[in-house]
Amino acid sequence: MKCRTCSTEIADKALICYRCGAATTAPRVAPPEARPGRGPWPVVVAILTLIAVSLLVLPQLPEGPPRLAGWVGVVVATVLIVWVLKPARRRSRLLGRRRP
């Protein structure tokens, strides 16, 4: 049997071509649709908003535990916002294979 992509002679029961990596048959299950990735802007806007709130509100709190609790709240909110709104990772190659 010959590969449909590169015309290399391959075994009759081969699932993929050993030379180019192309599949010899159509996939049984369609791959899931790729969701559009989110950029870094939501994270940047959220962090800038937290900085503005920190500069405006925290200095007005009384010294001691209330101000410390305010700073801890800002740090926790920042970590949670970055965790929830983190940008999607972009993959340049699928599973590290080269394109033919």
PDB file of N, CA and C in Angstrom:
ATOM      1  N   MET A   1       0.849  -1.173   0.000  1.00  0.00           N
ATOM      2  CA  MET A   1       0.000   0.000   0.000  1.00  0.00           C
ATOM      3  C   MET A   1       0.898   1.240   0.000  1.00  0.00           C
ATOM      4  N   LYS A   2       0.443   2.287  -0.676  1.00  0.00           N
ATOM      5  CA  LYS A   2       1.205   3.525  -0.725  1.00  0.00           C
ATOM      6  C   LYS A   2       0.498   4.602   0.098  1.00  0.00           C
ATOM      7  N   CYS A   3       1.307   5.455   0.705  1.00  0.00           N
ATOM      8  CA  CYS A   3       0.787   6.588   1.473  1.00  0.00           C
ATOM      9  C   CYS A   3       0.126   7.570   0.512  1.00  0.00           C
ATOM     10  N   ARG A   4      -1.049   8.089   0.900  1.00  0.00           N
ATOM     11  CA  ARG A   4      -1.762   9.052   0.041  1.00  0.00           C
ATOM     12  C   ARG A   4      -1.074  10.413   0.011  1.00  0.00           C
ATOM     13  N   THR A   5      -0.272  10.698   1.028  1.00  0.00           N
ATOM     14  CA  THR A   5       0.358  12.007   1.116  1.00  0.00           C
ATOM     15  C   THR A   5       1.722  12.059   0.433  1.00  0.00           C
ATOM     16  N   CYS A   6       2.588  11.090   0.781  1.00  0.00           N
ATOM     17  CA  CYS A   6       3.962  11.156   0.274  1.00  0.00           C
ATOM     18  C   CYS A   6       4.326  10.011  -0.677  1.00  0.00           C
ATOM     19  N   SER A   7       3.398   9.098  -0.933  1.00  0.00           N
ATOM     20  CA  SER A   7       3.580   7.975  -1.861  1.00  0.00           C
ATOM     21  C   SER A   7       4.666   6.991  -1.440  1.00  0.00           C
ATOM     22  N   THR A   8       4.969   6.936  -0.154  1.00  0.00           N
ATOM     23  CA  THR A   8       5.931   5.962   0.359  1.00  0.00           C
ATOM     24  C   THR A   8       5.241   4.613   0.501  1.00  0.00           C
ATOM     25  N   GLU A   9       5.954   3.552   0.188  1.00  0.00           N
ATOM     26  CA  GLU A   9       5.416   2.204   0.333  1.00  0.00           C
ATOM     27  C   GLU A   9       5.355   1.860   1.825  1.00  0.00           C
ATOM     28  N   ILE A  10       4.150   1.527   2.320  1.00  0.00           N
ATOM     29  CA  ILE A  10       3.967   1.191   3.746  1.00  0.00           C
ATOM     30  C   ILE A  10       3.216  -0.124   3.851  1.00  0.00           C
ATOM     31  N   ALA A  11       3.214  -0.696   5.031  1.00  0.00           N
ATOM     32  CA  ALA A  11       2.542  -1.975   5.263  1.00  0.00           C
ATOM     33  C   ALA A  11       1.037  -1.824   5.056  1.00  0.00           C
ATOM     34  N   ASP A  12       0.385  -2.923   4.678  1.00  0.00           N
ATOM     35  CA  ASP A  12      -1.056  -2.888   4.413  1.00  0.00           C
ATOM     36  C   ASP A  12      -1.877  -2.569   5.666  1.00  0.00           C
ATOM     37  N   LYS A  13      -1.415  -2.985   6.831  1.00  0.00           N
ATOM     38  CA  LYS A  13      -2.164  -2.753   8.067  1.00  0.00           C
ATOM     39  C   LYS A  13      -1.673  -1.531   8.838  1.00  0.00           C
ATOM     40  N   ALA A  14      -0.869  -0.709   8.213  1.00  0.00           N
ATOM     41  CA  ALA A  14      -0.322   0.467   8.899  1.00  0.00           C
ATOM     42  C   ALA A  14      -1.427   1.481   9.177  1.00  0.00           C
ATOM     43  N   LEU A  15      -1.365   2.093  10.359  1.00  0.00           N
ATOM     44  CA  LEU A  15      -2.324   3.128  10.721  1.00  0.00           C
ATOM     45  C   LEU A  15      -1.849   4.513  10.301  1.00  0.00           C
ATOM     46  N   ILE A  16      -0.526   4.690  10.309  1.00  0.00           N
ATOM     47  CA  ILE A  16       0.063   5.961   9.885  1.00  0.00           C
ATOM     48  C   ILE A  16       1.284   5.675   9.027  1.00  0.00           C
ATOM     49  N   CYS A  17       1.662   6.652   8.234  1.00  0.00           N
ATOM     50  CA  CYS A  17       2.865   6.535   7.416  1.00  0.00           C
ATOM     51  C   CYS A  17       4.078   6.791   8.302  1.00  0.00           C
ATOM     52  N   TYR A  18       5.073   5.927   8.229  1.00  0.00           N
ATOM     53  CA  TYR A  18       6.268   6.100   9.067  1.00  0.00           C
ATOM     54  C   TYR A  18       7.127   7.262   8.598  1.00  0.00           C
ATOM     55  N   ARG A  19       6.944   7.711   7.373  1.00  0.00           N
ATOM     56  CA  ARG A  19       7.768   8.797   6.848  1.00  0.00           C
ATOM     57  C   ARG A  19       7.183  10.180   7.135  1.00  0.00           C
ATOM     58  N   CYS A  20       5.902  10.373   6.815  1.00  0.00           N
ATOM     59  CA  CYS A  20       5.310  11.710   6.968  1.00  0.00           C
ATOM     60  C   CYS A  20       4.344  11.807   8.137  1.00  0.00           C
ATOM     61  N   GLY A  21       3.906  10.680   8.700  1.00  0.00           N
ATOM     62  CA  GLY A  21       3.012  10.705   9.853  1.00  0.00           C
ATOM     63  C   GLY A  21       1.548  10.868   9.502  1.00  0.00           C
ATOM     64  N   ALA A  22       1.205  10.833   8.231  1.00  0.00           N
ATOM     65  CA  ALA A  22      -0.190  10.986   7.816  1.00  0.00           C
ATOM     66  C   ALA A  22      -0.966   9.716   8.121  1.00  0.00           C
ATOM     67  N   ALA A  23      -2.233   9.872   8.504  1.00  0.00           N
ATOM     68  CA  ALA A  23      -3.090   8.725   8.784  1.00  0.00           C
ATOM     69  C   ALA A  23      -3.471   8.036   7.484  1.00  0.00           C
ATOM     70  N   THR A  24      -3.612   6.711   7.555  1.00  0.00           N
ATOM     71  CA  THR A  24      -3.979   5.962   6.356  1.00  0.00           C
ATOM     72  C   THR A  24      -5.489   5.835   6.212  1.00  0.00           C
ATOM     73  N   THR A  25      -6.232   6.105   7.266  1.00  0.00           N
ATOM     74  CA  THR A  25      -7.691   6.050   7.220  1.00  0.00           C
ATOM     75  C   THR A  25      -8.259   7.334   7.820  1.00  0.00           C
ATOM     76  N   ALA A  26      -9.537   7.552   7.571  1.00  0.00           N
ATOM     77  CA  ALA A  26     -10.210   8.727   8.137  1.00  0.00           C
ATOM     78  C   ALA A  26     -10.435   8.499   9.639  1.00  0.00           C
ATOM     79  N   PRO A  27     -10.410   9.556  10.460  1.00  0.00           N
ATOM     80  CA  PRO A  27     -10.631   9.380  11.895  1.00  0.00           C
ATOM     81  C   PRO A  27     -12.063   8.920  12.183  1.00  0.00           C
ATOM     82  N   ARG A  28     -12.222   8.078  13.198  1.00  0.00           N
ATOM     83  CA  ARG A  28     -13.550   7.588  13.581  1.00  0.00           C
ATOM     84  C   ARG A  28     -14.343   8.654  14.321  1.00  0.00           C
ATOM     85  N   VAL A  29     -13.644   9.429  15.124  1.00  0.00           N
ATOM     86  CA  VAL A  29     -14.293  10.460  15.931  1.00  0.00           C
ATOM     87  C   VAL A  29     -13.714  11.807  15.529  1.00  0.00           C
ATOM     88  N   ALA A  30     -14.581  12.768  15.325  1.00  0.00           N
ATOM     89  CA  ALA A  30     -14.109  14.105  14.957  1.00  0.00           C
ATOM     90  C   ALA A  30     -13.449  14.768  16.167  1.00  0.00           C
ATOM     91  N   PRO A  31     -12.355  15.485  15.969  1.00  0.00           N
ATOM     92  CA  PRO A  31     -11.703  16.162  17.086  1.00  0.00           C
ATOM     93  C   PRO A  31     -12.590  17.282  17.616  1.00  0.00           C
ATOM     94  N   PRO A  32     -12.445  17.620  18.906  1.00  0.00           N
ATOM     95  CA  PRO A  32     -13.276  18.695  19.468  1.00  0.00           C
ATOM     96  C   PRO A  32     -12.933  20.039  18.840  1.00  0.00           C
ATOM     97  N   GLU A  33     -13.929  20.911  18.791  1.00  0.00           N
ATOM     98  CA  GLU A  33     -13.712  22.235  18.221  1.00  0.00           C
ATOM     99  C   GLU A  33     -12.802  23.046  19.123  1.00  0.00           C
ATOM    100  N   ALA A  34     -11.905  23.794  18.517  1.00  0.00           N
ATOM    101  CA  ALA A  34     -10.986  24.629  19.284  1.00  0.00           C
ATOM    102  C   ALA A  34     -11.723  25.887  19.751  1.00  0.00           C
ATOM    103  N   ARG A  35     -11.652  26.141  21.052  1.00  0.00           N
ATOM    104  CA  ARG A  35     -12.274  27.350  21.583  1.00  0.00           C
ATOM    105  C   ARG A  35     -11.321  28.514  21.380  1.00  0.00           C
ATOM    106  N   PRO A  36     -11.872  29.676  21.074  1.00  0.00           N
ATOM    107  CA  PRO A  36     -10.984  30.829  20.900  1.00  0.00           C
ATOM    108  C   PRO A  36     -10.312  31.177  22.223  1.00  0.00           C
ATOM    109  N   GLY A  37      -9.026  31.475  22.164  1.00  0.00           N
ATOM    110  CA  GLY A  37      -8.271  31.800  23.364  1.00  0.00           C
ATOM    111  C   GLY A  37      -8.545  33.217  23.836  1.00  0.00           C
ATOM    112  N   ARG A  38      -8.358  33.412  25.107  1.00  0.00           N
ATOM    113  CA  ARG A  38      -8.551  34.730  25.695  1.00  0.00           C
ATOM    114  C   ARG A  38      -7.182  35.373  25.839  1.00  0.00           C
ATOM    115  N   GLY A  39      -7.093  36.613  25.486  1.00  0.00           N
ATOM    116  CA  GLY A  39      -5.829  37.332  25.570  1.00  0.00           C
ATOM    117  C   GLY A  39      -5.526  37.794  26.987  1.00  0.00           C
ATOM    118  N   PRO A  40      -4.440  38.521  27.172  1.00  0.00           N
ATOM    119  CA  PRO A  40      -4.039  38.966  28.510  1.00  0.00           C
ATOM    120  C   PRO A  40      -4.795  40.198  29.000  1.00  0.00           C
ATOM    121  N   TRP A  41      -5.625  40.822  28.165  1.00  0.00           N
ATOM    122  CA  TRP A  41      -6.250  42.082  28.564  1.00  0.00           C
ATOM    123  C   TRP A  41      -7.179  41.986  29.757  1.00  0.00           C
ATOM    124  N   PRO A  42      -8.011  40.960  29.921  1.00  0.00           N
ATOM    125  CA  PRO A  42      -8.843  40.909  31.131  1.00  0.00           C
ATOM    126  C   PRO A  42      -8.015  40.896  32.420  1.00  0.00           C
ATOM    127  N   VAL A  43      -6.892  40.197  32.394  1.00  0.00           N
ATOM    128  CA  VAL A  43      -6.030  40.146  33.578  1.00  0.00           C
ATOM    129  C   VAL A  43      -5.413  41.518  33.840  1.00  0.00           C
ATOM    130  N   VAL A  44      -4.959  42.181  32.792  1.00  0.00           N
ATOM    131  CA  VAL A  44      -4.335  43.495  32.947  1.00  0.00           C
ATOM    132  C   VAL A  44      -5.340  44.496  33.514  1.00  0.00           C
ATOM    133  N   VAL A  45      -6.558  44.501  32.977  1.00  0.00           N
ATOM    134  CA  VAL A  45      -7.584  45.435  33.457  1.00  0.00           C
ATOM    135  C   VAL A  45      -7.942  45.140  34.911  1.00  0.00           C
ATOM    136  N   ALA A  46      -8.086  43.869  35.260  1.00  0.00           N
ATOM    137  CA  ALA A  46      -8.429  43.512  36.637  1.00  0.00           C
ATOM    138  C   ALA A  46      -7.333  43.930  37.612  1.00  0.00           C
ATOM    139  N   ILE A  47      -6.091  43.711  37.261  1.00  0.00           N
ATOM    140  CA  ILE A  47      -4.985  44.079  38.155  1.00  0.00           C
ATOM    141  C   ILE A  47      -4.886  45.595  38.282  1.00  0.00           C
ATOM    142  N   LEU A  48      -5.067  46.334  37.202  1.00  0.00           N
ATOM    143  CA  LEU A  48      -5.049  47.797  37.287  1.00  0.00           C
ATOM    144  C   LEU A  48      -6.190  48.318  38.157  1.00  0.00           C
ATOM    145  N   THR A  49      -7.350  47.689  38.071  1.00  0.00           N
ATOM    146  CA  THR A  49      -8.477  48.074  38.928  1.00  0.00           C
ATOM    147  C   THR A  49      -8.155  47.806  40.386  1.00  0.00           C
ATOM    148  N   LEU A  50      -7.552  46.654  40.681  1.00  0.00           N
ATOM    149  CA  LEU A  50      -7.170  46.351  42.066  1.00  0.00           C
ATOM    150  C   LEU A  50      -6.123  47.328  42.586  1.00  0.00           C
ATOM    151  N   ILE A  51      -5.194  47.733  41.753  1.00  0.00           N
ATOM    152  CA  ILE A  51      -4.179  48.709  42.170  1.00  0.00           C
ATOM    153  C   ILE A  51      -4.844  50.042  42.483  1.00  0.00           C
ATOM    154  N   ALA A  52      -5.784  50.456  41.625  1.00  0.00           N
ATOM    155  CA  ALA A  52      -6.477  51.723  41.865  1.00  0.00           C
ATOM    156  C   ALA A  52      -7.273  51.675  43.161  1.00  0.00           C
ATOM    157  N   VAL A  53      -7.979  50.566  43.396  1.00  0.00           N
ATOM    158  CA  VAL A  53      -8.744  50.420  44.642  1.00  0.00           C
ATOM    159  C   VAL A  53      -7.796  50.420  45.840  1.00  0.00           C
ATOM    160  N   SER A  54      -6.675  49.748  45.712  1.00  0.00           N
ATOM    161  CA  SER A  54      -5.705  49.686  46.813  1.00  0.00           C
ATOM    162  C   SER A  54      -5.169  51.069  47.150  1.00  0.00           C
ATOM    163  N   LEU A  55      -4.874  51.860  46.145  1.00  0.00           N
ATOM    164  CA  LEU A  55      -4.324  53.196  46.389  1.00  0.00           C
ATOM    165  C   LEU A  55      -5.366  54.156  46.944  1.00  0.00           C
ATOM    166  N   LEU A  56      -6.634  53.944  46.619  1.00  0.00           N
ATOM    167  CA  LEU A  56      -7.677  54.857  47.079  1.00  0.00           C
ATOM    168  C   LEU A  56      -8.295  54.462  48.412  1.00  0.00           C
ATOM    169  N   VAL A  57      -8.461  53.180  48.668  1.00  0.00           N
ATOM    170  CA  VAL A  57      -9.199  52.713  49.842  1.00  0.00           C
ATOM    171  C   VAL A  57      -8.285  52.337  51.002  1.00  0.00           C
ATOM    172  N   LEU A  58      -7.231  51.603  50.738  1.00  0.00           N
ATOM    173  CA  LEU A  58      -6.414  51.075  51.838  1.00  0.00           C
ATOM    174  C   LEU A  58      -5.758  52.156  52.698  1.00  0.00           C
ATOM    175  N   PRO A  59      -5.300  53.268  52.164  1.00  0.00           N
ATOM    176  CA  PRO A  59      -4.721  54.292  53.044  1.00  0.00           C
ATOM    177  C   PRO A  59      -5.739  54.908  54.006  1.00  0.00           C
ATOM    178  N   GLN A  60      -7.018  54.811  53.696  1.00  0.00           N
ATOM    179  CA  GLN A  60      -8.043  55.382  54.566  1.00  0.00           C
ATOM    180  C   GLN A  60      -8.415  54.464  55.718  1.00  0.00           C
ATOM    181  N   LEU A  61      -8.009  53.208  55.665  1.00  0.00           N
ATOM    182  CA  LEU A  61      -8.299  52.269  56.764  1.00  0.00           C
ATOM    183  C   LEU A  61      -7.400  52.590  57.949  1.00  0.00           C
ATOM    184  N   PRO A  62      -7.909  52.340  59.184  1.00  0.00           N
ATOM    185  CA  PRO A  62      -7.071  52.597  60.366  1.00  0.00           C
ATOM    186  C   PRO A  62      -5.873  51.658  60.417  1.00  0.00           C
ATOM    187  N   GLU A  63      -4.810  52.124  61.071  1.00  0.00           N
ATOM    188  CA  GLU A  63      -3.591  51.310  61.222  1.00  0.00           C
ATOM    189  C   GLU A  63      -3.907  50.011  61.951  1.00  0.00           C
ATOM    190  N   GLY A  64      -3.081  49.001  61.713  1.00  0.00           N
ATOM    191  CA  GLY A  64      -3.199  47.742  62.444  1.00  0.00           C
ATOM    192  C   GLY A  64      -3.935  46.682  61.644  1.00  0.00           C
ATOM    193  N   PRO A  65      -4.701  45.846  62.349  1.00  0.00           N
ATOM    194  CA  PRO A  65      -5.364  44.702  61.709  1.00  0.00           C
ATOM    195  C   PRO A  65      -6.310  45.064  60.558  1.00  0.00           C
ATOM    196  N   PRO A  66      -7.094  46.162  60.628  1.00  0.00           N
ATOM    197  CA  PRO A  66      -7.973  46.445  59.488  1.00  0.00           C
ATOM    198  C   PRO A  66      -7.197  46.703  58.189  1.00  0.00           C
ATOM    199  N   ARG A  67      -6.098  47.438  58.279  1.00  0.00           N
ATOM    200  CA  ARG A  67      -5.318  47.714  57.072  1.00  0.00           C
ATOM    201  C   ARG A  67      -4.635  46.439  56.577  1.00  0.00           C
ATOM    202  N   LEU A  68      -4.114  45.636  57.511  1.00  0.00           N
ATOM    203  CA  LEU A  68      -3.493  44.366  57.132  1.00  0.00           C
ATOM    204  C   LEU A  68      -4.513  43.448  56.461  1.00  0.00           C
ATOM    205  N   ALA A  69      -5.726  43.392  57.003  1.00  0.00           N
ATOM    206  CA  ALA A  69      -6.780  42.572  56.402  1.00  0.00           C
ATOM    207  C   ALA A  69      -7.125  43.086  55.005  1.00  0.00           C
ATOM    208  N   GLY A  70      -7.089  44.386  54.806  1.00  0.00           N
ATOM    209  CA  GLY A  70      -7.342  44.955  53.488  1.00  0.00           C
ATOM    210  C   GLY A  70      -6.293  44.527  52.482  1.00  0.00           C
ATOM    211  N   TRP A  71      -5.026  44.570  52.886  1.00  0.00           N
ATOM    212  CA  TRP A  71      -3.949  44.138  51.986  1.00  0.00           C
ATOM    213  C   TRP A  71      -4.033  42.650  51.680  1.00  0.00           C
ATOM    214  N   VAL A  72      -4.341  41.859  52.691  1.00  0.00           N
ATOM    215  CA  VAL A  72      -4.496  40.416  52.455  1.00  0.00           C
ATOM    216  C   VAL A  72      -5.642  40.171  51.471  1.00  0.00           C
ATOM    217  N   GLY A  73      -6.733  40.912  51.624  1.00  0.00           N
ATOM    218  CA  GLY A  73      -7.861  40.782  50.700  1.00  0.00           C
ATOM    219  C   GLY A  73      -7.480  41.137  49.278  1.00  0.00           C
ATOM    220  N   VAL A  74      -6.682  42.195  49.120  1.00  0.00           N
ATOM    221  CA  VAL A  74      -6.243  42.600  47.785  1.00  0.00           C
ATOM    222  C   VAL A  74      -5.356  41.521  47.163  1.00  0.00           C
ATOM    223  N   VAL A  75      -4.448  40.954  47.942  1.00  0.00           N
ATOM    224  CA  VAL A  75      -3.564  39.901  47.422  1.00  0.00           C
ATOM    225  C   VAL A  75      -4.370  38.666  47.028  1.00  0.00           C
ATOM    226  N   VAL A  76      -5.311  38.255  47.872  1.00  0.00           N
ATOM    227  CA  VAL A  76      -6.137  37.083  47.567  1.00  0.00           C
ATOM    228  C   VAL A  76      -6.980  37.346  46.318  1.00  0.00           C
ATOM    229  N   ALA A  77      -7.566  38.541  46.219  1.00  0.00           N
ATOM    230  CA  ALA A  77      -8.371  38.876  45.047  1.00  0.00           C
ATOM    231  C   ALA A  77      -7.515  38.860  43.783  1.00  0.00           C
ATOM    232  N   THR A  78      -6.298  39.368  43.870  1.00  0.00           N
ATOM    233  CA  THR A  78      -5.407  39.378  42.709  1.00  0.00           C
ATOM    234  C   THR A  78      -5.094  37.960  42.252  1.00  0.00           C
ATOM    235  N   VAL A  79      -4.753  37.090  43.192  1.00  0.00           N
ATOM    236  CA  VAL A  79      -4.431  35.700  42.836  1.00  0.00           C
ATOM    237  C   VAL A  79      -5.639  35.016  42.217  1.00  0.00           C
ATOM    238  N   LEU A  80      -6.822  35.211  42.793  1.00  0.00           N
ATOM    239  CA  LEU A  80      -8.021  34.575  42.251  1.00  0.00           C
ATOM    240  C   LEU A  80      -8.370  35.103  40.863  1.00  0.00           C
ATOM    241  N   ILE A  81      -8.230  36.397  40.657  1.00  0.00           N
ATOM    242  CA  ILE A  81      -8.551  36.971  39.349  1.00  0.00           C
ATOM    243  C   ILE A  81      -7.578  36.463  38.289  1.00  0.00           C
ATOM    244  N   VAL A  82      -6.308  36.420  38.618  1.00  0.00           N
ATOM    245  CA  VAL A  82      -5.328  35.920  37.648  1.00  0.00           C
ATOM    246  C   VAL A  82      -5.580  34.443  37.364  1.00  0.00           C
ATOM    247  N   TRP A  83      -5.947  33.689  38.379  1.00  0.00           N
ATOM    248  CA  TRP A  83      -6.209  32.252  38.194  1.00  0.00           C
ATOM    249  C   TRP A  83      -7.423  32.031  37.290  1.00  0.00           C
ATOM    250  N   VAL A  84      -8.485  32.799  37.504  1.00  0.00           N
ATOM    251  CA  VAL A  84      -9.711  32.609  36.728  1.00  0.00           C
ATOM    252  C   VAL A  84      -9.576  33.161  35.313  1.00  0.00           C
ATOM    253  N   LEU A  85      -8.917  34.311  35.168  1.00  0.00           N
ATOM    254  CA  LEU A  85      -8.840  34.972  33.870  1.00  0.00           C
ATOM    255  C   LEU A  85      -7.548  34.707  33.114  1.00  0.00           C
ATOM    256  N   LYS A  86      -6.777  33.718  33.531  1.00  0.00           N
ATOM    257  CA  LYS A  86      -5.487  33.495  32.883  1.00  0.00           C
ATOM    258  C   LYS A  86      -5.659  33.262  31.390  1.00  0.00           C
ATOM    259  N   PRO A  87      -4.751  33.814  30.589  1.00  0.00           N
ATOM    260  CA  PRO A  87      -4.846  33.634  29.137  1.00  0.00           C
ATOM    261  C   PRO A  87      -4.637  32.178  28.751  1.00  0.00           C
ATOM    262  N   ALA A  88      -5.282  31.777  27.669  1.00  0.00           N
ATOM    263  CA  ALA A  88      -5.129  30.406  27.188  1.00  0.00           C
ATOM    264  C   ALA A  88      -3.741  30.225  26.590  1.00  0.00           C
ATOM    265  N   ARG A  89      -3.201  29.040  26.745  1.00  0.00           N
ATOM    266  CA  ARG A  89      -1.893  28.735  26.160  1.00  0.00           C
ATOM    267  C   ARG A  89      -2.056  28.441  24.695  1.00  0.00           C
ATOM    268  N   ARG A  90      -1.120  28.914  23.928  1.00  0.00           N
ATOM    269  CA  ARG A  90      -1.160  28.669  22.485  1.00  0.00           C
ATOM    270  C   ARG A  90      -0.137  27.608  22.139  1.00  0.00           C
ATOM    271  N   ARG A  91      -0.575  26.641  21.359  1.00  0.00           N
ATOM    272  CA  ARG A  91       0.335  25.589  20.920  1.00  0.00           C
ATOM    273  C   ARG A  91       0.609  25.770  19.443  1.00  0.00           C
ATOM    274  N   SER A  92       1.877  25.827  19.114  1.00  0.00           N
ATOM    275  CA  SER A  92       2.224  26.034  17.712  1.00  0.00           C
ATOM    276  C   SER A  92       2.183  24.729  16.925  1.00  0.00           C
ATOM    277  N   ARG A  93       2.428  23.626  17.592  1.00  0.00           N
ATOM    278  CA  ARG A  93       2.408  22.330  16.917  1.00  0.00           C
ATOM    279  C   ARG A  93       1.591  21.352  17.739  1.00  0.00           C
ATOM    280  N   LEU A  94       0.853  20.518  17.054  1.00  0.00           N
ATOM    281  CA  LEU A  94       0.033  19.527  17.701  1.00  0.00           C
ATOM    282  C   LEU A  94       0.893  18.324  18.080  1.00  0.00           C
ATOM    283  N   LEU A  95       1.033  18.074  19.349  1.00  0.00           N
ATOM    284  CA  LEU A  95       1.779  16.935  19.880  1.00  0.00           C
ATOM    285  C   LEU A  95       3.242  16.910  19.435  1.00  0.00           C
ATOM    286  N   GLY A  96       3.783  18.051  19.069  1.00  0.00           N
ATOM    287  CA  GLY A  96       5.183  18.131  18.721  1.00  0.00           C
ATOM    288  C   GLY A  96       5.544  17.564  17.369  1.00  0.00           C
ATOM    289  N   ARG A  97       4.551  17.196  16.552  1.00  0.00           N
ATOM    290  CA  ARG A  97       4.844  16.639  15.233  1.00  0.00           C
ATOM    291  C   ARG A  97       5.093  17.755  14.235  1.00  0.00           C
ATOM    292  N   ARG A  98       5.923  17.470  13.283  1.00  0.00           N
ATOM    293  CA  ARG A  98       6.171  18.421  12.211  1.00  0.00           C
ATOM    294  C   ARG A  98       5.099  18.304  11.150  1.00  0.00           C
ATOM    295  N   ARG A  99       4.814  19.411  10.524  1.00  0.00           N
ATOM    296  CA  ARG A  99       3.862  19.380   9.422  1.00  0.00           C
ATOM    297  C   ARG A  99       4.586  18.929   8.158  1.00  0.00           C
ATOM    298  N   PRO A 100       3.905  18.104   7.334  1.00  0.00           N
ATOM    299  CA  PRO A 100       4.569  17.621   6.114  1.00  0.00           C
ATOM    300  C   PRO A 100       4.750  18.706   5.088  1.00  0.00           C
TER     301      PRO A 100
END
